[in-house]
Amino acid sequence: MKQFDSTAIGRAAPVKEWISAMEDAFRDTASGLLDVPARSHLERSQGTFLIMPCFGSRYFATKLVSTFPGNIKKHEPVIYGTVVLNDGNTGRPLAVLDGSKLTAMRTAAVGSVGIKHLAPEHASTLGVIGLGVQGLHQALFACEIRKIKELRILDHSEALMKRFEERFKAIFPHIRVVRCLKAEELCTASEIIITATGSHQPVIPASEKCWKGKTLIGIGSFKPEMREFPDELLQDLDQVFVDTMEGLHESGDLVIPLDKGVIEREQCYSLESLITGKVLPEGETRFFKSVGMAAFDLYGARLVYEKDKG
């Protein structure tokens, strides 16, 4: 059985292949080629534990994750995880992969699938709120699929902003990085906005100028009490795209507006419908909310494993 650490996963494949793998995951899930049981949530003290299996024909994978938001203060990753990849015909364990890195890579790829299909091709300004591991990966992937000239960043931690800028500039030295003091400053100057926080209150201001005509990618909110976007933004949308319709019951950015009647179920579409051309984007403001699904882990693990084989 092979083992893939963070470095091996990061070097496994180019960004475009990660994005292509996630598009395949969307299509195959919608086509019924995968069995994706509902994830199991276990709440213990300040932590959340997730168990996420996914079964395909050639492989199946299981991800075990612990999420501790308080780890930021302890200078440890918020998310720890492990992914096990098995042979679909025999059940033989094939690989164990660093779940945190795989999650960062596949989620960044999913976010960039949203950008690829929703953001204007000429978009050149990007804003990222929440500069942890996921925020960094989202920015790196986004800059591979759009010709970004200026990146605006915001986080409550000065140390995170400094570390983020250093790591980002090491890869994209030609892109101008601007540290922002307020979300309004970041939003008004960005054509694409990515949120990757663990906030329980909206981080996007309730002002039309902060979102009108922009592409917004929500990554951080994954529990019913968590929110990154205000009702005013959701109310202004023609369409809401999600990675899985299960997200309508999981993320506060969807659960709360639906319960309040701010948005209607009929406005919500899987991003797969956009990828396959079943639905075309409407309205000047584009919105994609990701909560994740086990199919992404399976296809990410498969990509890493097969790249190593070949």
C-alpha atoms as a PDB file:
ATOM      1  CA  MET A   1       0.000   0.000   0.000  1.00  0.00           C
ATOM      2  CA  LYS A   2       1.389   3.375  -1.020  1.00  0.00           C
ATOM      3  CA  GLN A   3       1.527   6.478   1.121  1.00  0.00           C
ATOM      4  CA  PHE A   4       1.284  10.020  -0.235  1.00  0.00           C
ATOM      5  CA  ASP A   5       2.271  12.910   1.976  1.00  0.00           C
ATOM      6  CA  SER A   6       1.497  16.590   1.446  1.00  0.00           C
ATOM      7  CA  THR A   7       4.480  17.167  -0.832  1.00  0.00           C
ATOM      8  CA  ALA A   8       3.709  14.202  -3.085  1.00  0.00           C
ATOM      9  CA  ILE A   9       0.075  15.251  -3.452  1.00  0.00           C
ATOM     10  CA  GLY A  10       1.023  18.847  -4.244  1.00  0.00           C
ATOM     11  CA  ARG A  11       3.363  17.711  -6.995  1.00  0.00           C
ATOM     12  CA  ALA A  12       1.154  14.956  -8.412  1.00  0.00           C
ATOM     13  CA  ALA A  13      -0.510  16.839 -11.270  1.00  0.00           C
ATOM     14  CA  PRO A  14      -0.911  20.292 -12.855  1.00  0.00           C
ATOM     15  CA  VAL A  15      -3.808  22.489 -11.736  1.00  0.00           C
ATOM     16  CA  LYS A  16      -5.705  21.964 -14.987  1.00  0.00           C
ATOM     17  CA  GLU A  17      -5.712  18.190 -14.421  1.00  0.00           C
ATOM     18  CA  TRP A  18      -7.117  18.678 -10.916  1.00  0.00           C
ATOM     19  CA  ILE A  19      -9.872  20.859 -12.349  1.00  0.00           C
ATOM     20  CA  SER A  20     -10.605  18.309 -15.075  1.00  0.00           C
ATOM     21  CA  ALA A  21     -10.785  15.536 -12.458  1.00  0.00           C
ATOM     22  CA  MET A  22     -13.336  17.519 -10.436  1.00  0.00           C
ATOM     23  CA  GLU A  23     -15.444  18.141 -13.539  1.00  0.00           C
ATOM     24  CA  ASP A  24     -15.427  14.382 -14.119  1.00  0.00           C
ATOM     25  CA  ALA A  25     -16.546  13.884 -10.518  1.00  0.00           C
ATOM     26  CA  PHE A  26     -19.484  16.251 -11.079  1.00  0.00           C
ATOM     27  CA  ARG A  27     -20.535  14.493 -14.286  1.00  0.00           C
ATOM     28  CA  ASP A  28     -20.173  10.949 -12.973  1.00  0.00           C
ATOM     29  CA  THR A  29     -22.072  11.739  -9.774  1.00  0.00           C
ATOM     30  CA  ALA A  30     -24.947  13.220 -11.780  1.00  0.00           C
ATOM     31  CA  SER A  31     -24.899  10.229 -14.164  1.00  0.00           C
ATOM     32  CA  GLY A  32     -25.340   7.789 -11.295  1.00  0.00           C
ATOM     33  CA  LEU A  33     -21.951   6.169 -11.790  1.00  0.00           C
ATOM     34  CA  LEU A  34     -20.993   6.773  -8.169  1.00  0.00           C
ATOM     35  CA  ASP A  35     -22.544   5.775  -4.876  1.00  0.00           C
ATOM     36  CA  VAL A  36     -22.077   8.700  -2.494  1.00  0.00           C
ATOM     37  CA  PRO A  37     -23.664   8.002   0.900  1.00  0.00           C
ATOM     38  CA  ALA A  38     -24.474  10.977   3.095  1.00  0.00           C
ATOM     39  CA  ARG A  39     -21.530  12.061   5.190  1.00  0.00           C
ATOM     40  CA  SER A  40     -21.600  11.294   8.905  1.00  0.00           C
ATOM     41  CA  HIS A  41     -21.200  14.219  11.321  1.00  0.00           C
ATOM     42  CA  LEU A  42     -20.071  13.792  14.898  1.00  0.00           C
ATOM     43  CA  GLU A  43     -19.856  16.823  17.187  1.00  0.00           C
ATOM     44  CA  ARG A  44     -17.515  16.636  20.157  1.00  0.00           C
ATOM     45  CA  SER A  45     -16.694  19.694  22.291  1.00  0.00           C
ATOM     46  CA  GLN A  46     -15.104  22.262  19.953  1.00  0.00           C
ATOM     47  CA  GLY A  47     -14.493  19.797  17.138  1.00  0.00           C
ATOM     48  CA  THR A  48     -16.383  18.305  14.209  1.00  0.00           C
ATOM     49  CA  PHE A  49     -15.656  14.793  12.929  1.00  0.00           C
ATOM     50  CA  LEU A  50     -16.647  13.755   9.423  1.00  0.00           C
ATOM     51  CA  ILE A  51     -16.716  10.330   7.763  1.00  0.00           C
ATOM     52  CA  MET A  52     -17.120  10.474   3.984  1.00  0.00           C
ATOM     53  CA  PRO A  53     -17.181   7.336   1.792  1.00  0.00           C
ATOM     54  CA  CYS A  54     -17.617   7.184  -1.981  1.00  0.00           C
ATOM     55  CA  PHE A  55     -17.882   4.099  -4.189  1.00  0.00           C
ATOM     56  CA  GLY A  56     -16.986   3.930  -7.874  1.00  0.00           C
ATOM     57  CA  SER A  57     -16.510   0.988 -10.209  1.00  0.00           C
ATOM     58  CA  ARG A  58     -12.698   0.858 -10.165  1.00  0.00           C
ATOM     59  CA  TYR A  59     -12.024   2.398  -6.765  1.00  0.00           C
ATOM     60  CA  PHE A  60     -13.662   3.477  -3.566  1.00  0.00           C
ATOM     61  CA  ALA A  61     -12.375   5.949  -1.012  1.00  0.00           C
ATOM     62  CA  THR A  62     -13.105   6.949   2.567  1.00  0.00           C
ATOM     63  CA  LYS A  63     -12.079  10.223   4.171  1.00  0.00           C
ATOM     64  CA  LEU A  64     -11.813  10.707   7.915  1.00  0.00           C
ATOM     65  CA  VAL A  65     -11.657  14.351   8.985  1.00  0.00           C
ATOM     66  CA  SER A  66     -11.427  16.337  12.188  1.00  0.00           C
ATOM     67  CA  THR A  67     -12.092  20.093  12.152  1.00  0.00           C
ATOM     68  CA  PHE A  68     -11.017  22.256  15.096  1.00  0.00           C
ATOM     69  CA  PRO A  69     -11.428  26.022  14.367  1.00  0.00           C
ATOM     70  CA  GLY A  70      -9.571  26.856  17.582  1.00  0.00           C
ATOM     71  CA  ASN A  71      -6.400  25.338  16.163  1.00  0.00           C
ATOM     72  CA  ILE A  72      -5.548  28.670  14.535  1.00  0.00           C
ATOM     73  CA  LYS A  73      -4.667  30.028  17.985  1.00  0.00           C
ATOM     74  CA  LYS A  74      -2.555  26.939  18.623  1.00  0.00           C
ATOM     75  CA  HIS A  75      -0.648  27.400  15.348  1.00  0.00           C
ATOM     76  CA  GLU A  76      -1.943  24.087  14.056  1.00  0.00           C
ATOM     77  CA  PRO A  77      -4.046  23.295  10.972  1.00  0.00           C
ATOM     78  CA  VAL A  78      -7.796  23.633  11.447  1.00  0.00           C
ATOM     79  CA  ILE A  79      -8.370  20.444   9.465  1.00  0.00           C
ATOM     80  CA  TYR A  80      -6.695  17.069   9.867  1.00  0.00           C
ATOM     81  CA  GLY A  81      -7.674  14.169   7.684  1.00  0.00           C
ATOM     82  CA  THR A  82      -6.765  10.900   6.047  1.00  0.00           C
ATOM     83  CA  VAL A  83      -8.050   9.395   2.817  1.00  0.00           C
ATOM     84  CA  VAL A  84      -7.868   5.665   2.133  1.00  0.00           C
ATOM     85  CA  LEU A  85      -8.148   4.503  -1.491  1.00  0.00           C
ATOM     86  CA  ASN A  86      -9.249   0.909  -2.164  1.00  0.00           C
ATOM     87  CA  ASP A  87      -9.544  -1.320  -5.204  1.00  0.00           C
ATOM     88  CA  GLY A  88     -13.196  -1.394  -6.234  1.00  0.00           C
ATOM     89  CA  ASN A  89     -13.147  -5.039  -7.273  1.00  0.00           C
ATOM     90  CA  THR A  90     -11.273  -6.623  -4.379  1.00  0.00           C
ATOM     91  CA  GLY A  91     -11.405  -4.057  -1.582  1.00  0.00           C
ATOM     92  CA  ARG A  92      -7.604  -4.159  -1.343  1.00  0.00           C
ATOM     93  CA  PRO A  93      -6.173  -0.968   0.210  1.00  0.00           C
ATOM     94  CA  LEU A  94      -4.125   0.797  -2.432  1.00  0.00           C
ATOM     95  CA  ALA A  95      -3.059   4.054  -0.839  1.00  0.00           C
ATOM     96  CA  VAL A  96      -3.239   6.273   2.209  1.00  0.00           C
ATOM     97  CA  LEU A  97      -3.157   9.980   1.455  1.00  0.00           C
ATOM     98  CA  ASP A  98      -2.720  13.090   3.575  1.00  0.00           C
ATOM     99  CA  GLY A  99      -6.347  14.166   3.846  1.00  0.00           C
ATOM    100  CA  SER A 100      -5.641  17.809   4.653  1.00  0.00           C
ATOM    101  CA  LYS A 101      -3.573  18.366   1.521  1.00  0.00           C
ATOM    102  CA  LEU A 102      -5.913  16.343  -0.668  1.00  0.00           C
ATOM    103  CA  THR A 103      -8.858  18.360   0.675  1.00  0.00           C
ATOM    104  CA  ALA A 104      -7.044  21.621  -0.001  1.00  0.00           C
ATOM    105  CA  MET A 105      -6.175  20.607  -3.559  1.00  0.00           C
ATOM    106  CA  ARG A 106      -9.519  19.151  -4.553  1.00  0.00           C
ATOM    107  CA  THR A 107     -11.517  21.987  -2.930  1.00  0.00           C
ATOM    108  CA  ALA A 108      -9.364  24.587  -4.656  1.00  0.00           C
ATOM    109  CA  ALA A 109     -10.011  22.734  -7.902  1.00  0.00           C
ATOM    110  CA  VAL A 110     -13.774  22.714  -7.220  1.00  0.00           C
ATOM    111  CA  GLY A 111     -13.689  26.449  -6.508  1.00  0.00           C
ATOM    112  CA  SER A 112     -11.847  26.990  -9.759  1.00  0.00           C
ATOM    113  CA  VAL A 113     -14.422  24.910 -11.634  1.00  0.00           C
ATOM    114  CA  GLY A 114     -16.925  27.489 -10.416  1.00  0.00           C
ATOM    115  CA  ILE A 115     -14.685  30.333 -11.583  1.00  0.00           C
ATOM    116  CA  LYS A 116     -14.089  28.637 -14.939  1.00  0.00           C
ATOM    117  CA  HIS A 117     -17.810  28.387 -15.691  1.00  0.00           C
ATOM    118  CA  LEU A 118     -19.082  31.578 -14.032  1.00  0.00           C
ATOM    119  CA  ALA A 119     -16.414  34.290 -14.103  1.00  0.00           C
ATOM    120  CA  PRO A 120     -15.701  36.386 -17.209  1.00  0.00           C
ATOM    121  CA  GLU A 121     -12.612  35.204 -19.054  1.00  0.00           C
ATOM    122  CA  HIS A 122     -11.157  38.711 -18.909  1.00  0.00           C
ATOM    123  CA  ALA A 123     -11.446  38.975 -15.112  1.00  0.00           C
ATOM    124  CA  SER A 124      -8.103  40.182 -13.725  1.00  0.00           C
ATOM    125  CA  THR A 125      -8.795  41.138 -10.091  1.00  0.00           C
ATOM    126  CA  LEU A 126      -9.280  38.624  -7.299  1.00  0.00           C
ATOM    127  CA  GLY A 127     -10.147  39.010  -3.618  1.00  0.00           C
ATOM    128  CA  VAL A 128      -9.731  36.320  -0.952  1.00  0.00           C
ATOM    129  CA  ILE A 129     -11.177  36.563   2.558  1.00  0.00           C
ATOM    130  CA  GLY A 130      -9.777  33.963   4.948  1.00  0.00           C
ATOM    131  CA  LEU A 131      -6.105  33.216   4.443  1.00  0.00           C
ATOM    132  CA  GLY A 132      -5.608  29.803   5.952  1.00  0.00           C
ATOM    133  CA  VAL A 133      -4.523  26.744   3.998  1.00  0.00           C
ATOM    134  CA  GLN A 134      -7.718  26.686   1.968  1.00  0.00           C
ATOM    135  CA  GLY A 135      -7.596  30.388   1.153  1.00  0.00           C
ATOM    136  CA  LEU A 136      -4.057  30.048  -0.157  1.00  0.00           C
ATOM    137  CA  HIS A 137      -4.885  27.064  -2.356  1.00  0.00           C
ATOM    138  CA  GLN A 138      -8.007  28.783  -3.706  1.00  0.00           C
ATOM    139  CA  ALA A 139      -5.924  31.789  -4.717  1.00  0.00           C
ATOM    140  CA  LEU A 140      -3.194  29.700  -6.334  1.00  0.00           C
ATOM    141  CA  PHE A 141      -5.654  27.680  -8.391  1.00  0.00           C
ATOM    142  CA  ALA A 142      -7.714  30.724  -9.409  1.00  0.00           C
ATOM    143  CA  CYS A 143      -4.591  32.438 -10.724  1.00  0.00           C
ATOM    144  CA  GLU A 144      -3.905  29.444 -12.968  1.00  0.00           C
ATOM    145  CA  ILE A 145      -7.221  29.700 -14.814  1.00  0.00           C
ATOM    146  CA  ARG A 146      -7.658  33.473 -14.996  1.00  0.00           C
ATOM    147  CA  LYS A 147      -5.009  36.073 -15.826  1.00  0.00           C
ATOM    148  CA  ILE A 148      -5.087  37.744 -12.438  1.00  0.00           C
ATOM    149  CA  LYS A 149      -3.083  40.956 -12.171  1.00  0.00           C
ATOM    150  CA  GLU A 150      -4.084  42.049  -8.684  1.00  0.00           C
ATOM    151  CA  LEU A 151      -4.946  40.033  -5.593  1.00  0.00           C
ATOM    152  CA  ARG A 152      -6.555  41.630  -2.535  1.00  0.00           C
ATOM    153  CA  ILE A 153      -6.425  39.725   0.735  1.00  0.00           C
ATOM    154  CA  LEU A 154      -8.088  40.026   4.141  1.00  0.00           C
ATOM    155  CA  ASP A 155      -7.847  38.133   7.404  1.00  0.00           C
ATOM    156  CA  HIS A 156      -8.216  39.029  11.071  1.00  0.00           C
ATOM    157  CA  SER A 157      -4.669  37.738  11.657  1.00  0.00           C
ATOM    158  CA  GLU A 158      -1.743  39.910  10.566  1.00  0.00           C
ATOM    159  CA  ALA A 159       0.537  36.898  10.840  1.00  0.00           C
ATOM    160  CA  LEU A 160      -1.633  34.928   8.412  1.00  0.00           C
ATOM    161  CA  MET A 161      -1.687  37.829   5.951  1.00  0.00           C
ATOM    162  CA  LYS A 162       2.087  38.062   6.007  1.00  0.00           C
ATOM    163  CA  ARG A 163       2.583  34.301   5.633  1.00  0.00           C
ATOM    164  CA  PHE A 164       0.004  34.116   2.857  1.00  0.00           C
ATOM    165  CA  GLU A 165       1.659  36.919   0.901  1.00  0.00           C
ATOM    166  CA  GLU A 166       5.105  35.347   1.223  1.00  0.00           C
ATOM    167  CA  ARG A 167       3.918  31.940   0.031  1.00  0.00           C
ATOM    168  CA  PHE A 168       1.811  33.388  -2.769  1.00  0.00           C
ATOM    169  CA  LYS A 169       4.540  35.702  -4.078  1.00  0.00           C
ATOM    170  CA  ALA A 170       6.977  32.787  -4.161  1.00  0.00           C
ATOM    171  CA  ILE A 171       4.788  31.255  -6.883  1.00  0.00           C
ATOM    172  CA  PHE A 172       3.288  34.349  -8.544  1.00  0.00           C
ATOM    173  CA  PRO A 173       5.869  37.133  -8.061  1.00  0.00           C
ATOM    174  CA  HIS A 174       4.371  39.202 -10.896  1.00  0.00           C
ATOM    175  CA  ILE A 175       0.900  39.508  -9.321  1.00  0.00           C
ATOM    176  CA  ARG A 176       0.361  42.556  -7.126  1.00  0.00           C
ATOM    177  CA  VAL A 177      -0.859  41.672  -3.634  1.00  0.00           C
ATOM    178  CA  VAL A 178      -2.803  44.265  -1.620  1.00  0.00           C
ATOM    179  CA  ARG A 179      -3.542  43.762   2.067  1.00  0.00           C
ATOM    180  CA  CYS A 180      -6.972  45.132   2.934  1.00  0.00           C
ATOM    181  CA  LEU A 181      -8.199  46.414   6.275  1.00  0.00           C
ATOM    182  CA  LYS A 182     -11.913  46.042   5.531  1.00  0.00           C
ATOM    183  CA  ALA A 183     -14.049  43.677   3.470  1.00  0.00           C
ATOM    184  CA  GLU A 184     -15.661  46.572   1.608  1.00  0.00           C
ATOM    185  CA  GLU A 185     -12.259  47.658   0.317  1.00  0.00           C
ATOM    186  CA  LEU A 186     -11.554  44.148  -0.946  1.00  0.00           C
ATOM    187  CA  CYS A 187     -14.967  43.506  -2.480  1.00  0.00           C
ATOM    188  CA  THR A 188     -15.396  46.752  -4.392  1.00  0.00           C
ATOM    189  CA  ALA A 189     -12.018  46.312  -6.113  1.00  0.00           C
ATOM    190  CA  SER A 190     -12.374  42.604  -7.003  1.00  0.00           C
ATOM    191  CA  GLU A 191     -14.168  40.980  -9.932  1.00  0.00           C
ATOM    192  CA  ILE A 192     -13.888  37.526  -8.335  1.00  0.00           C
ATOM    193  CA  ILE A 193     -14.331  37.099  -4.573  1.00  0.00           C
ATOM    194  CA  ILE A 194     -13.530  33.906  -2.664  1.00  0.00           C
ATOM    195  CA  THR A 195     -14.481  33.401   0.980  1.00  0.00           C
ATOM    196  CA  ALA A 196     -12.700  30.688   2.948  1.00  0.00           C
ATOM    197  CA  THR A 197     -13.500  31.442   6.578  1.00  0.00           C
ATOM    198  CA  GLY A 198     -15.103  29.667   9.514  1.00  0.00           C
ATOM    199  CA  SER A 199     -17.321  32.650  10.265  1.00  0.00           C
ATOM    200  CA  HIS A 200     -20.749  32.462  11.889  1.00  0.00           C
ATOM    201  CA  GLN A 201     -21.591  35.965  10.629  1.00  0.00           C
ATOM    202  CA  PRO A 202     -21.469  37.244   7.029  1.00  0.00           C
ATOM    203  CA  VAL A 203     -18.031  38.476   6.011  1.00  0.00           C
ATOM    204  CA  ILE A 204     -19.349  40.136   2.846  1.00  0.00           C
ATOM    205  CA  PRO A 205     -20.888  43.542   3.642  1.00  0.00           C
ATOM    206  CA  ALA A 206     -24.630  44.017   3.070  1.00  0.00           C
ATOM    207  CA  SER A 207     -24.014  46.594   0.382  1.00  0.00           C
ATOM    208  CA  GLU A 208     -24.837  46.111  -3.284  1.00  0.00           C
ATOM    209  CA  LYS A 209     -21.579  47.650  -4.457  1.00  0.00           C
ATOM    210  CA  CYS A 210     -19.719  44.764  -2.778  1.00  0.00           C
ATOM    211  CA  TRP A 211     -21.222  42.076  -4.989  1.00  0.00           C
ATOM    212  CA  LYS A 212     -23.136  43.503  -7.949  1.00  0.00           C
ATOM    213  CA  GLY A 213     -21.715  42.179 -11.216  1.00  0.00           C
ATOM    214  CA  LYS A 214     -19.138  40.000  -9.494  1.00  0.00           C
ATOM    215  CA  THR A 215     -18.446  36.269  -9.222  1.00  0.00           C
ATOM    216  CA  LEU A 216     -18.556  34.992  -5.649  1.00  0.00           C
ATOM    217  CA  ILE A 217     -17.201  31.616  -4.540  1.00  0.00           C
ATOM    218  CA  GLY A 218     -18.146  30.469  -1.023  1.00  0.00           C
ATOM    219  CA  ILE A 219     -15.912  27.805   0.481  1.00  0.00           C
ATOM    220  CA  GLY A 220     -15.860  28.166   4.255  1.00  0.00           C
ATOM    221  CA  SER A 221     -19.410  27.645   5.542  1.00  0.00           C
ATOM    222  CA  PHE A 222     -20.143  23.937   5.979  1.00  0.00           C
ATOM    223  CA  LYS A 223     -22.492  23.840   8.998  1.00  0.00           C
ATOM    224  CA  PRO A 224     -26.049  25.233   9.426  1.00  0.00           C
ATOM    225  CA  GLU A 225     -24.926  27.920  11.879  1.00  0.00           C
ATOM    226  CA  MET A 226     -22.068  29.188   9.695  1.00  0.00           C
ATOM    227  CA  ARG A 227     -22.463  32.071   7.229  1.00  0.00           C
ATOM    228  CA  GLU A 228     -20.245  34.103   4.936  1.00  0.00           C
ATOM    229  CA  PHE A 229     -22.851  35.916   2.815  1.00  0.00           C
ATOM    230  CA  PRO A 230     -25.664  38.318   3.815  1.00  0.00           C
ATOM    231  CA  ASP A 231     -29.340  37.861   2.939  1.00  0.00           C
ATOM    232  CA  GLU A 232     -29.199  40.984   0.782  1.00  0.00           C
ATOM    233  CA  LEU A 233     -26.739  39.311  -1.586  1.00  0.00           C
ATOM    234  CA  LEU A 234     -28.719  36.072  -1.836  1.00  0.00           C
ATOM    235  CA  GLN A 235     -31.908  38.036  -2.451  1.00  0.00           C
ATOM    236  CA  ASP A 236     -30.244  39.757  -5.401  1.00  0.00           C
ATOM    237  CA  LEU A 237     -29.363  36.510  -7.219  1.00  0.00           C
ATOM    238  CA  ASP A 238     -31.133  34.927 -10.173  1.00  0.00           C
ATOM    239  CA  GLN A 239     -29.364  31.592  -9.639  1.00  0.00           C
ATOM    240  CA  VAL A 240     -27.542  29.815  -6.843  1.00  0.00           C
ATOM    241  CA  PHE A 241     -25.067  27.118  -7.885  1.00  0.00           C
ATOM    242  CA  VAL A 242     -23.941  24.427  -5.450  1.00  0.00           C
ATOM    243  CA  ASP A 243     -21.562  21.486  -5.713  1.00  0.00           C
ATOM    244  CA  THR A 244     -24.123  19.114  -4.205  1.00  0.00           C
ATOM    245  CA  MET A 245     -27.796  19.623  -3.480  1.00  0.00           C
ATOM    246  CA  GLU A 246     -27.099  18.188  -0.019  1.00  0.00           C
ATOM    247  CA  GLY A 247     -25.545  21.559   0.667  1.00  0.00           C
ATOM    248  CA  LEU A 248     -29.026  23.037   0.831  1.00  0.00           C
ATOM    249  CA  HIS A 249     -29.376  21.244   4.170  1.00  0.00           C
ATOM    250  CA  GLU A 250     -25.810  21.690   5.435  1.00  0.00           C
ATOM    251  CA  SER A 251     -24.528  25.229   4.960  1.00  0.00           C
ATOM    252  CA  GLY A 252     -26.000  28.215   6.765  1.00  0.00           C
ATOM    253  CA  ASP A 253     -25.408  30.268   3.631  1.00  0.00           C
ATOM    254  CA  LEU A 254     -28.145  28.155   2.025  1.00  0.00           C
ATOM    255  CA  VAL A 255     -30.204  26.776   4.927  1.00  0.00           C
ATOM    256  CA  ILE A 256     -31.001  30.141   6.511  1.00  0.00           C
ATOM    257  CA  PRO A 257     -31.944  32.051   3.319  1.00  0.00           C
ATOM    258  CA  LEU A 258     -34.116  29.116   2.185  1.00  0.00           C
ATOM    259  CA  ASP A 259     -35.896  28.945   5.550  1.00  0.00           C
ATOM    260  CA  LYS A 260     -36.522  32.699   5.489  1.00  0.00           C
ATOM    261  CA  GLY A 261     -37.747  32.702   1.882  1.00  0.00           C
ATOM    262  CA  VAL A 262     -34.872  34.921   0.779  1.00  0.00           C
ATOM    263  CA  ILE A 263     -34.155  32.405  -1.992  1.00  0.00           C
ATOM    264  CA  GLU A 264     -36.321  29.617  -3.408  1.00  0.00           C
ATOM    265  CA  ARG A 265     -35.421  26.003  -3.993  1.00  0.00           C
ATOM    266  CA  GLU A 266     -36.169  26.480  -7.693  1.00  0.00           C
ATOM    267  CA  GLN A 267     -33.290  28.966  -7.946  1.00  0.00           C
ATOM    268  CA  CYS A 268     -30.723  26.408  -6.820  1.00  0.00           C
ATOM    269  CA  TYR A 269     -28.798  24.284  -9.318  1.00  0.00           C
ATOM    270  CA  SER A 270     -25.944  21.809  -9.162  1.00  0.00           C
ATOM    271  CA  LEU A 271     -22.800  23.131 -10.814  1.00  0.00           C
ATOM    272  CA  GLU A 272     -22.927  19.958 -12.924  1.00  0.00           C
ATOM    273  CA  SER A 273     -25.899  21.411 -14.790  1.00  0.00           C
ATOM    274  CA  LEU A 274     -23.692  24.334 -15.777  1.00  0.00           C
ATOM    275  CA  ILE A 275     -20.726  22.144 -16.714  1.00  0.00           C
ATOM    276  CA  THR A 276     -22.862  19.995 -19.021  1.00  0.00           C
ATOM    277  CA  GLY A 277     -24.736  22.931 -20.522  1.00  0.00           C
ATOM    278  CA  LYS A 278     -28.144  21.973 -19.124  1.00  0.00           C
ATOM    279  CA  VAL A 279     -28.348  25.412 -17.529  1.00  0.00           C
ATOM    280  CA  LEU A 280     -26.820  28.695 -18.661  1.00  0.00           C
ATOM    281  CA  PRO A 281     -25.724  31.384 -16.203  1.00  0.00           C
ATOM    282  CA  GLU A 282     -28.144  34.281 -15.849  1.00  0.00           C
ATOM    283  CA  GLY A 283     -27.842  37.671 -14.216  1.00  0.00           C
ATOM    284  CA  GLU A 284     -24.801  39.870 -13.772  1.00  0.00           C
ATOM    285  CA  THR A 285     -23.954  38.518 -10.319  1.00  0.00           C
ATOM    286  CA  ARG A 286     -22.740  34.899 -10.188  1.00  0.00           C
ATOM    287  CA  PHE A 287     -22.649  32.761  -7.032  1.00  0.00           C
ATOM    288  CA  PHE A 288     -21.279  29.292  -6.297  1.00  0.00           C
ATOM    289  CA  LYS A 289     -21.397  27.648  -2.875  1.00  0.00           C
ATOM    290  CA  SER A 290     -19.282  24.585  -2.147  1.00  0.00           C
ATOM    291  CA  VAL A 291     -19.723  22.334   0.880  1.00  0.00           C
ATOM    292  CA  GLY A 292     -17.798  19.403  -0.590  1.00  0.00           C
ATOM    293  CA  MET A 293     -18.667  15.800  -1.308  1.00  0.00           C
ATOM    294  CA  ALA A 294     -16.830  12.507  -1.119  1.00  0.00           C
ATOM    295  CA  ALA A 295     -16.720  12.142  -4.911  1.00  0.00           C
ATOM    296  CA  PHE A 296     -14.121  14.906  -4.982  1.00  0.00           C
ATOM    297  CA  ASP A 297     -11.915  12.976  -2.572  1.00  0.00           C
ATOM    298  CA  LEU A 298     -12.242   9.794  -4.624  1.00  0.00           C
ATOM    299  CA  TYR A 299     -11.331  11.528  -7.879  1.00  0.00           C
ATOM    300  CA  GLY A 300      -8.510  13.464  -6.258  1.00  0.00           C
ATOM    301  CA  ALA A 301      -7.078  10.293  -4.692  1.00  0.00           C
ATOM    302  CA  ARG A 302      -7.448   8.478  -8.012  1.00  0.00           C
ATOM    303  CA  LEU A 303      -5.595  11.253  -9.820  1.00  0.00           C
ATOM    304  CA  VAL A 304      -2.669  11.145  -7.382  1.00  0.00           C
ATOM    305  CA  TYR A 305      -2.513   7.331  -7.362  1.00  0.00           C
ATOM    306  CA  GLU A 306      -2.685   6.927 -11.147  1.00  0.00           C
ATOM    307  CA  LYS A 307      -0.156   9.681 -11.761  1.00  0.00           C
ATOM    308  CA  ASP A 308       2.263   7.841  -9.502  1.00  0.00           C
ATOM    309  CA  LYS A 309       1.618   4.573 -11.373  1.00  0.00           C
ATOM    310  CA  GLY A 310       2.187   6.055 -14.779  1.00  0.00           C
END
